[in-house]
Amino acid sequence: MDQELLVEHLFQTLISGDRISARRIVQEILNEGISPEQITHEVYWPVLEMINTLFRADQLSTLAHHYGIRLLRSLVDQAQVRYSQQPARRRRIVSFCGTSEADELAGQLVADLLEADGYEIYFGGGGVANDEILAEVGERNPDVLLMFASGPSDAPNIRQLIDSIRSVGACPEMQIVVGGGVFNRAEGLAEEIGADLWAKDPATLIGKLASETDRRATPEQHTVGRHRRIKKTAAA
């Protein structure tokens, strides 16, 4: 499988809104014996990132962006039902994301992969207020709170959410994980806001969740973002 060629081919098909050709490309990949999970990791995710990157740079029209996101969502939905279900890990994840359609798609894509990998996952999407997330954390008592593929405007709210969770001591054993979206574009932001773990893409996230279950931010890291904000304010 020539990954770069496939990504470019599917990308061009998606942004043109050609639904029949897009499904034909995917079927051809499946006929080569490539698993749905591999297609999602190596084709769908890079295509989604390409669509988002070009749209943010004003190199893609709104119509092309909408064609691409909506058609890609249908392909992701179809892939999910073909995933091989792994044994239960007995770990619960509550997940949220940014409010844009692209963020929602990225969050859904990750939630689907994590569920297939054996996690019990609850995906709330975007636009959920922090007080509702706090209440859900208290109700579900998850092993992981995942904020994946959030937009720039969501970062301050996530920071406030993490501060609130730390200050009230909610679910002290819970791991707070972020990734994708603005966290890929702003180096050091995940650590600055006090996240325990972060990942740039679904494959890295799945690997880290499995291998770094005990990783936690230190008490010093819990407040590093606050200290930096104080210094920035003083400098201003």
Protein backbone atom coordinates (compact mmCIF):
# COMPACT_ATOMS: atom_id res chain seq x y z
CA MET A 1 0.00 0.00 0.00
CA ASP A 2 1.51 3.31 -1.13
CA GLN A 3 0.24 5.37 1.78
CA GLU A 4 1.09 8.83 0.45
CA LEU A 5 -0.51 8.12 -2.92
CA LEU A 6 -3.65 6.72 -1.30
CA VAL A 7 -3.98 9.66 1.07
CA GLU A 8 -3.64 12.16 -1.77
CA HIS A 9 -6.04 10.22 -4.00
CA LEU A 10 -8.70 9.91 -1.32
CA PHE A 11 -8.24 13.52 -0.27
CA GLN A 12 -8.93 14.79 -3.79
CA THR A 13 -11.96 12.53 -4.07
CA LEU A 14 -13.40 13.60 -0.72
CA ILE A 15 -13.11 17.36 -1.23
CA SER A 16 -14.82 17.00 -4.60
CA GLY A 17 -17.78 15.31 -2.91
CA ASP A 18 -17.50 12.19 -5.10
CA ARG A 19 -19.13 9.65 -2.81
CA ILE A 20 -19.11 6.73 -5.25
CA SER A 21 -15.43 7.09 -6.08
CA ALA A 22 -14.50 7.45 -2.42
CA ARG A 23 -16.23 4.20 -1.52
CA ARG A 24 -14.62 2.50 -4.51
CA ILE A 25 -11.14 3.55 -3.35
CA VAL A 26 -11.79 2.14 0.13
CA GLN A 27 -13.12 -1.12 -1.26
CA GLU A 28 -10.01 -1.52 -3.40
CA ILE A 29 -7.85 -1.07 -0.30
CA LEU A 30 -9.90 -3.64 1.61
CA ASN A 31 -9.59 -6.06 -1.31
CA GLU A 32 -5.81 -5.92 -0.85
CA GLY A 33 -6.23 -7.39 2.62
CA ILE A 34 -5.61 -4.16 4.54
CA SER A 35 -7.54 -4.12 7.83
CA PRO A 36 -10.12 -1.40 8.54
CA GLU A 37 -8.07 -0.35 11.58
CA GLN A 38 -4.96 0.13 9.44
CA ILE A 39 -6.93 2.14 6.89
CA THR A 40 -8.19 4.40 9.67
CA HIS A 41 -4.73 4.96 11.15
CA GLU A 42 -2.78 5.29 7.91
CA VAL A 43 -5.30 6.84 5.52
CA TYR A 44 -8.33 8.37 7.24
CA TRP A 45 -6.42 10.16 9.99
CA PRO A 46 -3.80 11.71 7.63
CA VAL A 47 -6.57 12.77 5.25
CA LEU A 48 -8.46 14.43 8.10
CA GLU A 49 -5.32 16.29 9.16
CA MET A 50 -4.70 17.40 5.57
CA ILE A 51 -8.24 18.75 5.24
CA ASN A 52 -7.93 20.66 8.51
CA THR A 53 -4.47 22.04 7.78
CA LEU A 54 -5.38 23.36 4.34
CA PHE A 55 -8.67 24.80 5.57
CA ARG A 56 -6.96 26.69 8.41
CA ALA A 57 -4.46 28.07 5.88
CA ASP A 58 -7.30 29.30 3.63
CA GLN A 59 -6.18 26.89 0.92
CA LEU A 60 -9.46 25.01 0.91
CA SER A 61 -12.93 26.43 0.33
CA THR A 62 -15.70 26.00 2.86
CA LEU A 63 -17.59 23.83 0.41
CA ALA A 64 -14.60 21.55 -0.20
CA HIS A 65 -14.05 21.31 3.56
CA HIS A 66 -17.69 20.38 4.14
CA TYR A 67 -17.64 17.81 1.35
CA GLY A 68 -14.48 16.27 2.78
CA ILE A 69 -15.54 16.13 6.43
CA ARG A 70 -19.03 14.80 5.77
CA LEU A 71 -17.93 12.12 3.33
CA LEU A 72 -15.02 11.08 5.52
CA ARG A 73 -17.40 10.72 8.46
CA SER A 74 -19.46 8.21 6.49
CA LEU A 75 -16.31 6.20 5.71
CA VAL A 76 -15.26 6.26 9.38
CA ASP A 77 -18.73 5.03 10.38
CA GLN A 78 -18.48 2.16 7.90
CA ALA A 79 -14.99 1.24 9.11
CA GLN A 80 -16.05 1.09 12.75
CA VAL A 81 -18.45 -1.82 12.22
CA ARG A 82 -15.60 -3.84 10.68
CA TYR A 83 -13.11 -3.38 13.52
CA SER A 84 -11.93 -6.51 15.34
CA GLN A 85 -13.03 -6.31 18.98
CA GLN A 86 -10.17 -6.92 21.41
CA PRO A 87 -10.60 -8.39 24.92
CA ALA A 88 -11.91 -6.00 27.56
CA ARG A 89 -9.18 -3.98 29.31
CA ARG A 90 -11.50 -3.12 32.21
CA ARG A 91 -10.61 0.56 31.91
CA ARG A 92 -13.22 3.27 31.47
CA ILE A 93 -12.67 6.41 29.39
CA VAL A 94 -14.84 9.52 29.26
CA SER A 95 -13.98 11.59 26.20
CA PHE A 96 -14.76 15.07 24.88
CA CYS A 97 -13.44 17.22 22.04
CA GLY A 98 -13.63 20.59 20.32
CA THR A 99 -16.85 21.99 18.92
CA SER A 100 -16.11 22.01 15.18
CA GLU A 101 -17.33 19.23 12.92
CA ALA A 102 -13.72 18.27 12.20
CA ASP A 103 -12.99 17.99 15.94
CA GLU A 104 -16.12 15.91 16.44
CA LEU A 105 -15.03 13.57 13.64
CA ALA A 106 -11.55 13.23 15.10
CA GLY A 107 -12.98 12.53 18.54
CA GLN A 108 -15.38 9.95 17.15
CA LEU A 109 -12.61 8.26 15.16
CA VAL A 110 -10.50 7.93 18.30
CA ALA A 111 -13.44 6.74 20.41
CA ASP A 112 -14.23 4.02 17.85
CA LEU A 113 -10.63 2.78 17.85
CA LEU A 114 -10.40 2.79 21.64
CA GLU A 115 -13.64 0.86 21.99
CA ALA A 116 -12.35 -1.77 19.57
CA ASP A 117 -9.12 -1.92 21.57
CA GLY A 118 -11.05 -3.07 24.63
CA TYR A 119 -11.86 0.12 26.51
CA GLU A 120 -15.26 1.06 27.89
CA ILE A 121 -15.68 4.50 26.38
CA TYR A 122 -18.23 7.29 26.68
CA PHE A 123 -17.84 9.97 24.00
CA GLY A 124 -19.63 13.24 24.75
CA GLY A 125 -18.30 15.22 21.80
CA GLY A 126 -17.89 18.99 21.93
CA GLY A 127 -19.71 21.90 23.51
CA VAL A 128 -20.19 20.30 26.94
CA ALA A 129 -19.78 22.73 29.84
CA ASN A 130 -17.07 22.08 32.43
CA ASP A 131 -19.58 21.69 35.26
CA GLU A 132 -21.31 18.92 33.31
CA ILE A 133 -17.97 17.22 32.62
CA LEU A 134 -17.10 17.41 36.31
CA ALA A 135 -20.45 15.89 37.21
CA GLU A 136 -19.95 13.11 34.68
CA VAL A 137 -16.48 12.38 36.01
CA GLY A 138 -17.93 12.09 39.50
CA GLU A 139 -20.72 9.83 38.26
CA ARG A 140 -18.70 7.55 35.96
CA ASN A 141 -15.49 7.50 38.00
CA PRO A 142 -13.42 6.87 34.84
CA ASP A 143 -9.84 5.68 34.66
CA VAL A 144 -9.16 8.28 31.95
CA LEU A 145 -10.58 11.68 31.05
CA LEU A 146 -9.66 12.24 27.40
CA MET A 147 -9.85 15.61 25.64
CA PHE A 148 -8.88 14.88 22.04
CA ALA A 149 -8.71 17.15 18.99
CA SER A 150 -9.76 20.37 20.66
CA GLY A 151 -9.72 23.72 18.88
CA PRO A 152 -7.67 26.74 20.03
CA SER A 153 -10.66 28.33 21.74
CA ASP A 154 -11.13 25.21 23.88
CA ALA A 155 -7.67 25.28 25.49
CA PRO A 156 -8.52 27.80 28.26
CA ASN A 157 -11.61 25.79 29.25
CA ILE A 158 -9.61 22.57 29.37
CA ARG A 159 -7.02 24.30 31.54
CA GLN A 160 -9.77 25.48 33.89
CA LEU A 161 -11.28 22.01 33.93
CA ILE A 162 -7.97 20.40 34.90
CA ASP A 163 -7.42 23.04 37.60
CA SER A 164 -10.91 22.35 38.99
CA ILE A 165 -10.38 18.59 39.01
CA ARG A 166 -7.06 18.99 40.82
CA SER A 167 -8.38 21.52 43.32
CA VAL A 168 -11.39 19.46 44.41
CA GLY A 169 -9.52 16.17 44.30
CA ALA A 170 -12.06 14.54 41.98
CA CYS A 171 -11.08 10.98 41.01
CA PRO A 172 -7.48 11.27 42.22
CA GLU A 173 -6.46 8.09 40.39
CA MET A 174 -7.91 9.29 37.07
CA GLN A 175 -5.49 10.01 34.25
CA ILE A 176 -6.10 13.24 32.31
CA VAL A 177 -5.10 12.83 28.68
CA VAL A 178 -5.13 15.31 25.79
CA GLY A 179 -4.14 15.13 22.15
CA GLY A 180 -4.66 16.13 18.56
CA GLY A 181 -6.01 19.51 17.54
CA VAL A 182 -4.40 22.52 19.17
CA PHE A 183 -2.13 20.29 21.27
CA ASN A 184 -0.34 19.18 18.10
CA ARG A 185 0.20 22.75 16.97
CA ALA A 186 1.24 24.31 20.29
CA GLU A 187 4.31 22.52 21.57
CA GLY A 188 4.38 22.19 25.35
CA LEU A 189 0.73 23.21 25.82
CA ALA A 190 -0.37 19.80 27.12
CA GLU A 191 2.31 19.81 29.80
CA GLU A 192 1.66 23.45 30.62
CA ILE A 193 -2.00 22.86 31.43
CA GLY A 194 -1.15 19.89 33.67
CA ALA A 195 -2.17 16.90 31.53
CA ASP A 196 -0.81 13.53 32.65
CA LEU A 197 -0.39 12.19 29.13
CA TRP A 198 -0.64 13.50 25.57
CA ALA A 199 -0.45 12.13 22.05
CA LYS A 200 -0.39 13.56 18.54
CA ASP A 201 -2.44 10.88 16.76
CA PRO A 202 -4.68 7.88 17.49
CA ALA A 203 -1.94 5.27 17.10
CA THR A 204 0.34 7.05 19.57
CA LEU A 205 -2.56 7.57 21.96
CA ILE A 206 -3.52 3.89 21.96
CA GLY A 207 0.07 2.87 22.56
CA LYS A 208 0.57 5.31 25.43
CA LEU A 209 -2.73 4.45 27.12
CA ALA A 210 -1.67 0.80 27.15
CA SER A 211 1.95 1.31 28.24
CA GLU A 212 1.86 4.39 30.49
CA THR A 213 -1.12 3.76 32.74
CA ASP A 214 0.81 4.94 35.80
CA ARG A 215 2.11 8.19 34.36
CA ARG A 216 0.90 11.25 36.25
CA ALA A 217 1.85 14.91 36.22
CA THR A 218 3.87 15.89 39.26
CA PRO A 219 2.46 18.43 41.74
CA GLU A 220 4.91 20.94 40.26
CA GLN A 221 3.51 20.32 36.78
CA HIS A 222 0.00 20.84 38.10
CA THR A 223 0.84 24.49 38.68
CA VAL A 224 3.41 25.14 35.95
CA GLY A 225 0.79 26.65 33.66
CA ARG A 226 -0.44 28.95 36.42
CA HIS A 227 3.12 30.12 37.15
CA ARG A 228 3.76 30.82 33.48
CA ARG A 229 0.55 32.82 33.22
CA ILE A 230 1.57 34.90 36.24
CA LYS A 231 4.97 35.61 34.66
CA LYS A 232 3.36 36.57 31.33
CA THR A 233 0.94 38.90 33.12
CA ALA A 234 3.75 40.53 35.08
CA ALA A 235 5.81 40.98 31.91
CA ALA A 236 2.88 42.63 30.17
